[in-house]
């Protein structure tokens, strides 16, 4: 596993608090894995899940007190991204702000390059 930094992905304090809450509630692992896959209304979509360990070629980023795992392919699309969280009733939840995206859907869950 390689060590990355917040230039790859930055977790805001609000997102860090929510991730910590979810890790404790879900009890599926202490790492948040972020992956970009094909799909969604704009071609690519973000996937997040908790895992108990990383893989050999993963990049580990520590941000806002949380451990985030990213595979090397996802890292190409993710560089410079911020992960934020809002608890607003409308439009709340996790939101990715990706400077590499040319367009994204209004829900913030998919994008294209």
PDB file of N, CA and C in Angstrom:
ATOM      1  N   UNK A   1       0.842  -1.176   0.000  1.00  0.00           N
ATOM      2  CA  UNK A   1       0.000   0.000   0.000  1.00  0.00           C
ATOM      3  C   UNK A   1       0.890   1.243   0.000  1.00  0.00           C
ATOM      4  N   UNK A   2       0.505   2.218  -0.835  1.00  0.00           N
ATOM      5  CA  UNK A   2       1.253   3.480  -0.892  1.00  0.00           C
ATOM      6  C   UNK A   2       0.542   4.531  -0.042  1.00  0.00           C
ATOM      7  N   UNK A   3       1.305   5.485   0.433  1.00  0.00           N
ATOM      8  CA  UNK A   3       0.746   6.583   1.218  1.00  0.00           C
ATOM      9  C   UNK A   3       0.556   7.777   0.299  1.00  0.00           C
ATOM     10  N   UNK A   4      -0.663   8.309   0.271  1.00  0.00           N
ATOM     11  CA  UNK A   4      -0.975   9.499  -0.511  1.00  0.00           C
ATOM     12  C   UNK A   4      -1.194  10.675   0.419  1.00  0.00           C
ATOM     13  N   UNK A   5      -1.658  11.767  -0.148  1.00  0.00           N
ATOM     14  CA  UNK A   5      -1.934  12.937   0.678  1.00  0.00           C
ATOM     15  C   UNK A   5      -3.233  13.609   0.224  1.00  0.00           C
ATOM     16  N   UNK A   6      -3.545  14.723   0.853  1.00  0.00           N
ATOM     17  CA  UNK A   6      -4.808  15.407   0.586  1.00  0.00           C
ATOM     18  C   UNK A   6      -4.858  16.080  -0.779  1.00  0.00           C
ATOM     19  N   UNK A   7      -3.766  16.035  -1.539  1.00  0.00           N
ATOM     20  CA  UNK A   7      -3.820  16.515  -2.922  1.00  0.00           C
ATOM     21  C   UNK A   7      -4.607  15.538  -3.786  1.00  0.00           C
ATOM     22  N   UNK A   8      -4.709  14.294  -3.343  1.00  0.00           N
ATOM     23  CA  UNK A   8      -5.510  13.298  -4.052  1.00  0.00           C
ATOM     24  C   UNK A   8      -6.981  13.468  -3.673  1.00  0.00           C
ATOM     25  N   UNK A   9      -7.277  13.406  -2.390  1.00  0.00           N
ATOM     26  CA  UNK A   9      -8.639  13.635  -1.902  1.00  0.00           C
ATOM     27  C   UNK A   9      -8.579  14.286  -0.532  1.00  0.00           C
ATOM     28  N   UNK A  10      -9.390  15.308  -0.368  1.00  0.00           N
ATOM     29  CA  UNK A  10      -9.482  16.040   0.886  1.00  0.00           C
ATOM     30  C   UNK A  10     -10.852  15.770   1.483  1.00  0.00           C
ATOM     31  N   UNK A  11     -10.886  15.306   2.709  1.00  0.00           N
ATOM     32  CA  UNK A  11     -12.132  15.082   3.425  1.00  0.00           C
ATOM     33  C   UNK A  11     -12.353  16.291   4.329  1.00  0.00           C
ATOM     34  N   UNK A  12     -13.499  16.945   4.206  1.00  0.00           N
ATOM     35  CA  UNK A  12     -13.780  18.101   5.055  1.00  0.00           C
ATOM     36  C   UNK A  12     -14.070  17.634   6.475  1.00  0.00           C
ATOM     37  N   UNK A  13     -13.971  18.538   7.454  1.00  0.00           N
ATOM     38  CA  UNK A  13     -14.291  18.156   8.837  1.00  0.00           C
ATOM     39  C   UNK A  13     -15.709  17.581   8.985  1.00  0.00           C
ATOM     40  N   UNK A  14     -16.693  18.170   8.316  1.00  0.00           N
ATOM     41  CA  UNK A  14     -18.073  17.661   8.400  1.00  0.00           C
ATOM     42  C   UNK A  14     -18.162  16.230   7.862  1.00  0.00           C
ATOM     43  N   UNK A  15     -17.502  15.974   6.738  1.00  0.00           N
ATOM     44  CA  UNK A  15     -17.503  14.624   6.169  1.00  0.00           C
ATOM     45  C   UNK A  15     -16.759  13.666   7.089  1.00  0.00           C
ATOM     46  N   UNK A  16     -15.678  14.115   7.695  1.00  0.00           N
ATOM     47  CA  UNK A  16     -14.916  13.274   8.614  1.00  0.00           C
ATOM     48  C   UNK A  16     -15.750  12.817   9.801  1.00  0.00           C
ATOM     49  N   UNK A  17     -16.542  13.736  10.362  1.00  0.00           N
ATOM     50  CA  UNK A  17     -17.419  13.396  11.484  1.00  0.00           C
ATOM     51  C   UNK A  17     -18.455  12.361  11.066  1.00  0.00           C
ATOM     52  N   UNK A  18     -19.070  12.558   9.897  1.00  0.00           N
ATOM     53  CA  UNK A  18     -20.100  11.628   9.430  1.00  0.00           C
ATOM     54  C   UNK A  18     -19.503  10.259   9.108  1.00  0.00           C
ATOM     55  N   UNK A  19     -18.334  10.239   8.492  1.00  0.00           N
ATOM     56  CA  UNK A  19     -17.666   8.963   8.194  1.00  0.00           C
ATOM     57  C   UNK A  19     -17.404   8.203   9.492  1.00  0.00           C
ATOM     58  N   UNK A  20     -16.918   8.908  10.512  1.00  0.00           N
ATOM     59  CA  UNK A  20     -16.650   8.270  11.804  1.00  0.00           C
ATOM     60  C   UNK A  20     -17.930   7.669  12.385  1.00  0.00           C
ATOM     61  N   UNK A  21     -19.031   8.424  12.331  1.00  0.00           N
ATOM     62  CA  UNK A  21     -20.317   7.923  12.823  1.00  0.00           C
ATOM     63  C   UNK A  21     -20.735   6.658  12.076  1.00  0.00           C
ATOM     64  N   UNK A  22     -20.587   6.675  10.758  1.00  0.00           N
ATOM     65  CA  UNK A  22     -21.004   5.535   9.942  1.00  0.00           C
ATOM     66  C   UNK A  22     -20.116   4.314  10.182  1.00  0.00           C
ATOM     67  N   UNK A  23     -18.824   4.524  10.367  1.00  0.00           N
ATOM     68  CA  UNK A  23     -17.913   3.411  10.661  1.00  0.00           C
ATOM     69  C   UNK A  23     -18.336   2.727  11.954  1.00  0.00           C
ATOM     70  N   UNK A  24     -18.660   3.518  12.956  1.00  0.00           N
ATOM     71  CA  UNK A  24     -19.079   2.947  14.240  1.00  0.00           C
ATOM     72  C   UNK A  24     -20.417   2.226  14.111  1.00  0.00           C
ATOM     73  N   UNK A  25     -21.335   2.784  13.340  1.00  0.00           N
ATOM     74  CA  UNK A  25     -22.660   2.185  13.189  1.00  0.00           C
ATOM     75  C   UNK A  25     -22.633   0.926  12.330  1.00  0.00           C
ATOM     76  N   UNK A  26     -21.917   0.979  11.205  1.00  0.00           N
ATOM     77  CA  UNK A  26     -21.919  -0.128  10.246  1.00  0.00           C
ATOM     78  C   UNK A  26     -21.062  -1.310  10.689  1.00  0.00           C
ATOM     79  N   UNK A  27     -19.957  -1.024  11.387  1.00  0.00           N
ATOM     80  CA  UNK A  27     -19.028  -2.053  11.868  1.00  0.00           C
ATOM     81  C   UNK A  27     -18.559  -3.002  10.759  1.00  0.00           C
ATOM     82  N   UNK A  28     -18.226  -2.432   9.582  1.00  0.00           N
ATOM     83  CA  UNK A  28     -17.744  -3.241   8.456  1.00  0.00           C
ATOM     84  C   UNK A  28     -16.269  -3.010   8.159  1.00  0.00           C
ATOM     85  N   UNK A  29     -15.647  -2.094   8.859  1.00  0.00           N
ATOM     86  CA  UNK A  29     -14.233  -1.812   8.645  1.00  0.00           C
ATOM     87  C   UNK A  29     -13.924  -0.363   8.964  1.00  0.00           C
ATOM     88  N   UNK A  30     -12.651  -0.084   9.173  1.00  0.00           N
ATOM     89  CA  UNK A  30     -12.212   1.249   9.563  1.00  0.00           C
ATOM     90  C   UNK A  30     -11.732   2.109   8.406  1.00  0.00           C
ATOM     91  N   UNK A  31     -11.778   1.572   7.198  1.00  0.00           N
ATOM     92  CA  UNK A  31     -11.326   2.318   6.020  1.00  0.00           C
ATOM     93  C   UNK A  31     -12.510   2.628   5.120  1.00  0.00           C
ATOM     94  N   UNK A  32     -12.522   3.828   4.563  1.00  0.00           N
ATOM     95  CA  UNK A  32     -13.507   4.187   3.554  1.00  0.00           C
ATOM     96  C   UNK A  32     -12.862   3.997   2.186  1.00  0.00           C
ATOM     97  N   UNK A  33     -13.400   3.093   1.385  1.00  0.00           N
ATOM     98  CA  UNK A  33     -12.904   2.889   0.023  1.00  0.00           C
ATOM     99  C   UNK A  33     -13.749   3.733  -0.921  1.00  0.00           C
ATOM    100  N   UNK A  34     -13.079   4.550  -1.732  1.00  0.00           N
ATOM    101  CA  UNK A  34     -13.746   5.339  -2.767  1.00  0.00           C
ATOM    102  C   UNK A  34     -13.299   4.795  -4.108  1.00  0.00           C
ATOM    103  N   UNK A  35     -14.272   4.531  -4.957  1.00  0.00           N
ATOM    104  CA  UNK A  35     -13.988   3.963  -6.272  1.00  0.00           C
ATOM    105  C   UNK A  35     -14.846   4.684  -7.304  1.00  0.00           C
ATOM    106  N   UNK A  36     -14.296   4.865  -8.481  1.00  0.00           N
ATOM    107  CA  UNK A  36     -15.052   5.436  -9.594  1.00  0.00           C
ATOM    108  C   UNK A  36     -15.319   4.309 -10.579  1.00  0.00           C
ATOM    109  N   UNK A  37     -16.599   4.174 -10.938  1.00  0.00           N
ATOM    110  CA  UNK A  37     -17.004   3.122 -11.868  1.00  0.00           C
ATOM    111  C   UNK A  37     -17.812   3.733 -13.002  1.00  0.00           C
ATOM    112  N   UNK A  38     -17.967   2.977 -14.075  1.00  0.00           N
ATOM    113  CA  UNK A  38     -18.829   3.408 -15.159  1.00  0.00           C
ATOM    114  C   UNK A  38     -20.278   3.334 -14.724  1.00  0.00           C
ATOM    115  N   UNK A  39     -21.068   4.305 -15.169  1.00  0.00           N
ATOM    116  CA  UNK A  39     -22.489   4.301 -14.822  1.00  0.00           C
ATOM    117  C   UNK A  39     -22.946   5.673 -14.381  1.00  0.00           C
ATOM    118  N   UNK A  40     -24.182   5.767 -13.982  1.00  0.00           N
ATOM    119  CA  UNK A  40     -24.744   7.045 -13.570  1.00  0.00           C
ATOM    120  C   UNK A  40     -25.202   7.829 -14.785  1.00  0.00           C
ATOM    121  N   UNK A  41     -25.878   8.923 -14.542  1.00  0.00           N
ATOM    122  CA  UNK A  41     -26.456   9.695 -15.651  1.00  0.00           C
ATOM    123  C   UNK A  41     -25.417  10.472 -16.449  1.00  0.00           C
ATOM    124  N   UNK A  42     -24.185  10.557 -15.963  1.00  0.00           N
ATOM    125  CA  UNK A  42     -23.146  11.281 -16.699  1.00  0.00           C
ATOM    126  C   UNK A  42     -21.960  10.412 -17.104  1.00  0.00           C
ATOM    127  N   UNK A  43     -22.061   9.097 -16.954  1.00  0.00           N
ATOM    128  CA  UNK A  43     -21.013   8.220 -17.448  1.00  0.00           C
ATOM    129  C   UNK A  43     -20.119   7.587 -16.407  1.00  0.00           C
ATOM    130  N   UNK A  44     -19.753   8.320 -15.358  1.00  0.00           N
ATOM    131  CA  UNK A  44     -18.919   7.789 -14.280  1.00  0.00           C
ATOM    132  C   UNK A  44     -19.599   8.093 -12.957  1.00  0.00           C
ATOM    133  N   UNK A  45     -19.476   7.188 -11.998  1.00  0.00           N
ATOM    134  CA  UNK A  45     -20.102   7.445 -10.704  1.00  0.00           C
ATOM    135  C   UNK A  45     -19.169   7.066  -9.561  1.00  0.00           C
ATOM    136  N   UNK A  46     -19.391   7.709  -8.431  1.00  0.00           N
ATOM    137  CA  UNK A  46     -18.614   7.466  -7.221  1.00  0.00           C
ATOM    138  C   UNK A  46     -19.264   6.349  -6.426  1.00  0.00           C
ATOM    139  N   UNK A  47     -18.448   5.458  -5.899  1.00  0.00           N
ATOM    140  CA  UNK A  47     -18.912   4.391  -5.017  1.00  0.00           C
ATOM    141  C   UNK A  47     -18.102   4.470  -3.735  1.00  0.00           C
ATOM    142  N   UNK A  48     -18.772   4.305  -2.611  1.00  0.00           N
ATOM    143  CA  UNK A  48     -18.094   4.322  -1.316  1.00  0.00           C
ATOM    144  C   UNK A  48     -18.557   3.114  -0.511  1.00  0.00           C
ATOM    145  N   UNK A  49     -17.618   2.488   0.181  1.00  0.00           N
ATOM    146  CA  UNK A  49     -17.967   1.418   1.104  1.00  0.00           C
ATOM    147  C   UNK A  49     -16.875   1.311   2.155  1.00  0.00           C
ATOM    148  N   UNK A  50     -17.232   0.703   3.273  1.00  0.00           N
ATOM    149  CA  UNK A  50     -16.270   0.502   4.343  1.00  0.00           C
ATOM    150  C   UNK A  50     -15.643  -0.873   4.202  1.00  0.00           C
ATOM    151  N   UNK A  51     -14.332  -0.932   4.405  1.00  0.00           N
ATOM    152  CA  UNK A  51     -13.596  -2.194   4.325  1.00  0.00           C
ATOM    153  C   UNK A  51     -12.666  -2.294   5.532  1.00  0.00           C
ATOM    154  N   UNK A  52     -12.278  -3.530   5.841  1.00  0.00           N
ATOM    155  CA  UNK A  52     -11.414  -3.725   7.007  1.00  0.00           C
ATOM    156  C   UNK A  52      -9.928  -3.687   6.692  1.00  0.00           C
ATOM    157  N   UNK A  53      -9.583  -3.725   5.399  1.00  0.00           N
ATOM    158  CA  UNK A  53      -8.166  -3.624   5.031  1.00  0.00           C
ATOM    159  C   UNK A  53      -8.030  -3.180   3.582  1.00  0.00           C
ATOM    160  N   UNK A  54      -6.838  -2.695   3.268  1.00  0.00           N
ATOM    161  CA  UNK A  54      -6.557  -2.270   1.907  1.00  0.00           C
ATOM    162  C   UNK A  54      -5.963  -3.388   1.078  1.00  0.00           C
ATOM    163  N   UNK A  55      -5.785  -3.098  -0.197  1.00  0.00           N
ATOM    164  CA  UNK A  55      -5.157  -4.033  -1.126  1.00  0.00           C
ATOM    165  C   UNK A  55      -3.738  -3.551  -1.424  1.00  0.00           C
ATOM    166  N   UNK A  56      -2.926  -4.413  -2.038  1.00  0.00           N
ATOM    167  CA  UNK A  56      -1.510  -4.111  -2.273  1.00  0.00           C
ATOM    168  C   UNK A  56      -1.268  -2.790  -2.999  1.00  0.00           C
ATOM    169  N   UNK A  57      -2.032  -2.505  -4.041  1.00  0.00           N
ATOM    170  CA  UNK A  57      -1.762  -1.317  -4.859  1.00  0.00           C
ATOM    171  C   UNK A  57      -2.631  -0.119  -4.493  1.00  0.00           C
ATOM    172  N   UNK A  58      -3.314  -0.186  -3.359  1.00  0.00           N
ATOM    173  CA  UNK A  58      -4.127   0.939  -2.904  1.00  0.00           C
ATOM    174  C   UNK A  58      -3.269   2.121  -2.490  1.00  0.00           C
ATOM    175  N   UNK A  59      -3.893   3.280  -2.523  1.00  0.00           N
ATOM    176  CA  UNK A  59      -3.285   4.501  -1.995  1.00  0.00           C
ATOM    177  C   UNK A  59      -4.075   4.873  -0.751  1.00  0.00           C
ATOM    178  N   UNK A  60      -3.390   5.079   0.358  1.00  0.00           N
ATOM    179  CA  UNK A  60      -4.018   5.436   1.624  1.00  0.00           C
ATOM    180  C   UNK A  60      -3.840   6.925   1.868  1.00  0.00           C
ATOM    181  N   UNK A  61      -4.958   7.610   2.090  1.00  0.00           N
ATOM    182  CA  UNK A  61      -4.928   9.036   2.400  1.00  0.00           C
ATOM    183  C   UNK A  61      -5.567   9.237   3.767  1.00  0.00           C
ATOM    184  N   UNK A  62      -4.861   9.912   4.649  1.00  0.00           N
ATOM    185  CA  UNK A  62      -5.404  10.287   5.955  1.00  0.00           C
ATOM    186  C   UNK A  62      -5.869  11.730   5.846  1.00  0.00           C
ATOM    187  N   UNK A  63      -7.164  11.950   6.101  1.00  0.00           N
ATOM    188  CA  UNK A  63      -7.715  13.296   5.990  1.00  0.00           C
ATOM    189  C   UNK A  63      -8.878  13.434   6.963  1.00  0.00           C
ATOM    190  N   UNK A  64      -8.929  14.521   7.680  1.00  0.00           N
ATOM    191  CA  UNK A  64      -9.982  14.805   8.667  1.00  0.00           C
ATOM    192  C   UNK A  64     -10.125  13.657   9.662  1.00  0.00           C
ATOM    193  N   UNK A  65      -8.997  13.030  10.009  1.00  0.00           N
ATOM    194  CA  UNK A  65      -9.010  11.949  10.972  1.00  0.00           C
ATOM    195  C   UNK A  65      -9.518  10.624  10.440  1.00  0.00           C
ATOM    196  N   UNK A  66      -9.708  10.521   9.125  1.00  0.00           N
ATOM    197  CA  UNK A  66     -10.232   9.300   8.521  1.00  0.00           C
ATOM    198  C   UNK A  66      -9.226   8.707   7.545  1.00  0.00           C
ATOM    199  N   UNK A  67      -9.315   7.383   7.387  1.00  0.00           N
ATOM    200  CA  UNK A  67      -8.443   6.658   6.467  1.00  0.00           C
ATOM    201  C   UNK A  67      -9.225   6.321   5.213  1.00  0.00           C
ATOM    202  N   UNK A  68      -8.785   6.875   4.085  1.00  0.00           N
ATOM    203  CA  UNK A  68      -9.470   6.688   2.807  1.00  0.00           C
ATOM    204  C   UNK A  68      -8.572   5.869   1.887  1.00  0.00           C
ATOM    205  N   UNK A  69      -9.143   4.834   1.277  1.00  0.00           N
ATOM    206  CA  UNK A  69      -8.416   3.991   0.328  1.00  0.00           C
ATOM    207  C   UNK A  69      -8.907   4.275  -1.083  1.00  0.00           C
ATOM    208  N   UNK A  70      -7.947   4.389  -2.011  1.00  0.00           N
ATOM    209  CA  UNK A  70      -8.255   4.649  -3.413  1.00  0.00           C
ATOM    210  C   UNK A  70      -7.376   3.731  -4.251  1.00  0.00           C
ATOM    211  N   UNK A  71      -7.966   3.046  -5.239  1.00  0.00           N
ATOM    212  CA  UNK A  71      -7.129   2.239  -6.128  1.00  0.00           C
ATOM    213  C   UNK A  71      -6.451   3.157  -7.148  1.00  0.00           C
ATOM    214  N   UNK A  72      -5.411   2.661  -7.801  1.00  0.00           N
ATOM    215  CA  UNK A  72      -4.610   3.515  -8.690  1.00  0.00           C
ATOM    216  C   UNK A  72      -5.401   4.022  -9.899  1.00  0.00           C
ATOM    217  N   UNK A  73      -6.334   3.247 -10.416  1.00  0.00           N
ATOM    218  CA  UNK A  73      -7.147   3.702 -11.547  1.00  0.00           C
ATOM    219  C   UNK A  73      -8.071   4.846 -11.129  1.00  0.00           C
ATOM    220  N   UNK A  74      -8.713   4.696  -9.980  1.00  0.00           N
ATOM    221  CA  UNK A  74      -9.590   5.746  -9.468  1.00  0.00           C
ATOM    222  C   UNK A  74      -8.807   7.022  -9.195  1.00  0.00           C
ATOM    223  N   UNK A  75      -7.570   6.883  -8.720  1.00  0.00           N
ATOM    224  CA  UNK A  75      -6.752   8.049  -8.385  1.00  0.00           C
ATOM    225  C   UNK A  75      -6.563   8.974  -9.584  1.00  0.00           C
ATOM    226  N   UNK A  76      -6.515   8.403 -10.793  1.00  0.00           N
ATOM    227  CA  UNK A  76      -6.348   9.226 -11.994  1.00  0.00           C
ATOM    228  C   UNK A  76      -7.507  10.204 -12.176  1.00  0.00           C
ATOM    229  N   UNK A  77      -8.705   9.779 -11.818  1.00  0.00           N
ATOM    230  CA  UNK A  77      -9.903  10.615 -11.967  1.00  0.00           C
ATOM    231  C   UNK A  77     -10.174  11.495 -10.750  1.00  0.00           C
ATOM    232  N   UNK A  78      -9.629  11.117  -9.612  1.00  0.00           N
ATOM    233  CA  UNK A  78      -9.992  11.736  -8.338  1.00  0.00           C
ATOM    234  C   UNK A  78      -9.096  12.896  -7.924  1.00  0.00           C
ATOM    235  N   UNK A  79      -7.909  12.985  -8.477  1.00  0.00           N
ATOM    236  CA  UNK A  79      -6.907  13.950  -8.012  1.00  0.00           C
ATOM    237  C   UNK A  79      -7.489  15.355  -7.821  1.00  0.00           C
ATOM    238  N   UNK A  80      -7.322  15.887  -6.595  1.00  0.00           N
ATOM    239  CA  UNK A  80      -7.778  17.237  -6.274  1.00  0.00           C
ATOM    240  C   UNK A  80      -9.219  17.313  -5.798  1.00  0.00           C
ATOM    241  N   UNK A  81      -9.857  16.172  -5.588  1.00  0.00           N
ATOM    242  CA  UNK A  81     -11.268  16.133  -5.214  1.00  0.00           C
ATOM    243  C   UNK A  81     -11.445  16.398  -3.717  1.00  0.00           C
ATOM    244  N   UNK A  82     -12.550  17.052  -3.379  1.00  0.00           N
ATOM    245  CA  UNK A  82     -12.948  17.278  -1.995  1.00  0.00           C
ATOM    246  C   UNK A  82     -14.225  16.492  -1.721  1.00  0.00           C
ATOM    247  N   UNK A  83     -14.244  15.788  -0.603  1.00  0.00           N
ATOM    248  CA  UNK A  83     -15.440  15.081  -0.158  1.00  0.00           C
ATOM    249  C   UNK A  83     -16.019  15.843   1.022  1.00  0.00           C
ATOM    250  N   UNK A  84     -17.254  16.317   0.862  1.00  0.00           N
ATOM    251  CA  UNK A  84     -17.917  17.098   1.901  1.00  0.00           C
ATOM    252  C   UNK A  84     -19.202  16.381   2.313  1.00  0.00           C
ATOM    253  N   UNK A  85     -19.786  16.823   3.411  1.00  0.00           N
ATOM    254  CA  UNK A  85     -21.054  16.265   3.877  1.00  0.00           C
ATOM    255  C   UNK A  85     -21.927  17.399   4.393  1.00  0.00           C
ATOM    256  N   UNK A  86     -23.208  17.305   4.068  1.00  0.00           N
ATOM    257  CA  UNK A  86     -24.188  18.266   4.563  1.00  0.00           C
ATOM    258  C   UNK A  86     -25.369  17.490   5.128  1.00  0.00           C
ATOM    259  N   UNK A  87     -25.895  17.938   6.253  1.00  0.00           N
ATOM    260  CA  UNK A  87     -27.048  17.272   6.834  1.00  0.00           C
ATOM    261  C   UNK A  87     -28.356  17.990   6.506  1.00  0.00           C
ATOM    262  N   UNK A  88     -28.356  18.800   5.463  1.00  0.00           N
ATOM    263  CA  UNK A  88     -29.576  19.479   5.037  1.00  0.00           C
ATOM    264  C   UNK A  88     -30.617  18.449   4.599  1.00  0.00           C
ATOM    265  N   UNK A  89     -31.864  18.757   4.849  1.00  0.00           N
ATOM    266  CA  UNK A  89     -32.942  17.852   4.491  1.00  0.00           C
ATOM    267  C   UNK A  89     -33.055  17.693   2.981  1.00  0.00           C
ATOM    268  N   UNK A  90     -32.915  18.798   2.260  1.00  0.00           N
ATOM    269  CA  UNK A  90     -32.948  18.757   0.795  1.00  0.00           C
ATOM    270  C   UNK A  90     -31.539  19.014   0.282  1.00  0.00           C
ATOM    271  N   UNK A  91     -31.023  18.113  -0.529  1.00  0.00           N
ATOM    272  CA  UNK A  91     -29.687  18.279  -1.090  1.00  0.00           C
ATOM    273  C   UNK A  91     -28.568  17.916  -0.134  1.00  0.00           C
ATOM    274  N   UNK A  92     -28.900  17.229   0.943  1.00  0.00           N
ATOM    275  CA  UNK A  92     -27.884  16.837   1.915  1.00  0.00           C
ATOM    276  C   UNK A  92     -27.198  15.542   1.518  1.00  0.00           C
ATOM    277  N   UNK A  93     -26.255  15.116   2.333  1.00  0.00           N
ATOM    278  CA  UNK A  93     -25.512  13.891   2.088  1.00  0.00           C
ATOM    279  C   UNK A  93     -24.084  14.195   1.682  1.00  0.00           C
ATOM    280  N   UNK A  94     -23.379  13.160   1.230  1.00  0.00           N
ATOM    281  CA  UNK A  94     -22.002  13.340   0.774  1.00  0.00           C
ATOM    282  C   UNK A  94     -21.992  13.980  -0.604  1.00  0.00           C
ATOM    283  N   UNK A  95     -21.016  14.863  -0.818  1.00  0.00           N
ATOM    284  CA  UNK A  95     -20.896  15.530  -2.110  1.00  0.00           C
ATOM    285  C   UNK A  95     -19.424  15.583  -2.496  1.00  0.00           C
ATOM    286  N   UNK A  96     -19.154  15.150  -3.727  1.00  0.00           N
ATOM    287  CA  UNK A  96     -17.807  15.218  -4.281  1.00  0.00           C
ATOM    288  C   UNK A  96     -17.675  16.478  -5.108  1.00  0.00           C
ATOM    289  N   UNK A  97     -16.603  17.222  -4.891  1.00  0.00           N
ATOM    290  CA  UNK A  97     -16.268  18.359  -5.742  1.00  0.00           C
ATOM    291  C   UNK A  97     -14.968  17.972  -6.443  1.00  0.00           C
ATOM    292  N   UNK A  98     -15.116  17.641  -7.737  1.00  0.00           N
ATOM    293  CA  UNK A  98     -13.995  17.096  -8.503  1.00  0.00           C
ATOM    294  C   UNK A  98     -13.584  18.106  -9.578  1.00  0.00           C
ATOM    295  N   UNK A  99     -12.381  18.693  -9.480  1.00  0.00           N
ATOM    296  CA  UNK A  99     -11.944  19.682 -10.463  1.00  0.00           C
ATOM    297  C   UNK A  99     -11.700  19.082 -11.853  1.00  0.00           C
ATOM    298  N   UNK A 100     -11.631  17.763 -11.956  1.00  0.00           N
ATOM    299  CA  UNK A 100     -11.407  17.097 -13.242  1.00  0.00           C
ATOM    300  C   UNK A 100     -12.686  16.887 -14.032  1.00  0.00           C
ATOM    301  N   UNK A 101     -13.833  17.012 -13.372  1.00  0.00           N
ATOM    302  CA  UNK A 101     -15.118  16.753 -14.022  1.00  0.00           C
ATOM    303  C   UNK A 101     -15.512  17.930 -14.903  1.00  0.00           C
ATOM    304  N   UNK A 102     -15.892  17.630 -16.134  1.00  0.00           N
ATOM    305  CA  UNK A 102     -16.370  18.670 -17.044  1.00  0.00           C
ATOM    306  C   UNK A 102     -17.858  18.917 -16.842  1.00  0.00           C
ATOM    307  N   UNK A 103     -18.567  17.891 -16.410  1.00  0.00           N
ATOM    308  CA  UNK A 103     -19.995  18.019 -16.129  1.00  0.00           C
ATOM    309  C   UNK A 103     -20.357  17.019 -15.049  1.00  0.00           C
ATOM    310  N   UNK A 104     -21.324  17.375 -14.223  1.00  0.00           N
ATOM    311  CA  UNK A 104     -21.803  16.435 -13.212  1.00  0.00           C
ATOM    312  C   UNK A 104     -23.309  16.595 -13.078  1.00  0.00           C
ATOM    313  N   UNK A 105     -23.937  15.573 -12.550  1.00  0.00           N
ATOM    314  CA  UNK A 105     -25.391  15.634 -12.389  1.00  0.00           C
ATOM    315  C   UNK A 105     -25.717  16.458 -11.153  1.00  0.00           C
ATOM    316  N   UNK A 106     -26.950  16.851 -11.025  1.00  0.00           N
ATOM    317  CA  UNK A 106     -27.346  17.716  -9.902  1.00  0.00           C
ATOM    318  C   UNK A 106     -27.232  17.013  -8.564  1.00  0.00           C
ATOM    319  N   UNK A 107     -27.322  15.686  -8.564  1.00  0.00           N
ATOM    320  CA  UNK A 107     -27.208  14.967  -7.293  1.00  0.00           C
ATOM    321  C   UNK A 107     -25.751  14.828  -6.843  1.00  0.00           C
ATOM    322  N   UNK A 108     -24.797  15.085  -7.740  1.00  0.00           N
ATOM    323  CA  UNK A 108     -23.378  15.020  -7.392  1.00  0.00           C
ATOM    324  C   UNK A 108     -22.815  13.613  -7.329  1.00  0.00           C
ATOM    325  N   UNK A 109     -23.581  12.626  -7.792  1.00  0.00           N
ATOM    326  CA  UNK A 109     -23.121  11.249  -7.711  1.00  0.00           C
ATOM    327  C   UNK A 109     -22.500  10.732  -8.992  1.00  0.00           C
ATOM    328  N   UNK A 110     -22.643  11.460 -10.086  1.00  0.00           N
ATOM    329  CA  UNK A 110     -21.999  11.015 -11.315  1.00  0.00           C
ATOM    330  C   UNK A 110     -21.427  12.223 -12.066  1.00  0.00           C
ATOM    331  N   UNK A 111     -20.484  11.942 -12.975  1.00  0.00           N
ATOM    332  CA  UNK A 111     -19.795  13.016 -13.686  1.00  0.00           C
ATOM    333  C   UNK A 111     -19.207  12.467 -14.963  1.00  0.00           C
ATOM    334  N   UNK A 112     -18.689  13.360 -15.804  1.00  0.00           N
ATOM    335  CA  UNK A 112     -17.910  12.919 -16.969  1.00  0.00           C
ATOM    336  C   UNK A 112     -16.702  13.812 -17.118  1.00  0.00           C
ATOM    337  N   UNK A 113     -15.754  13.328 -17.900  1.00  0.00           N
ATOM    338  CA  UNK A 113     -14.483  14.048 -18.093  1.00  0.00           C
ATOM    339  C   UNK A 113     -14.405  14.634 -19.486  1.00  0.00           C
TER     340      UNK A 113
END
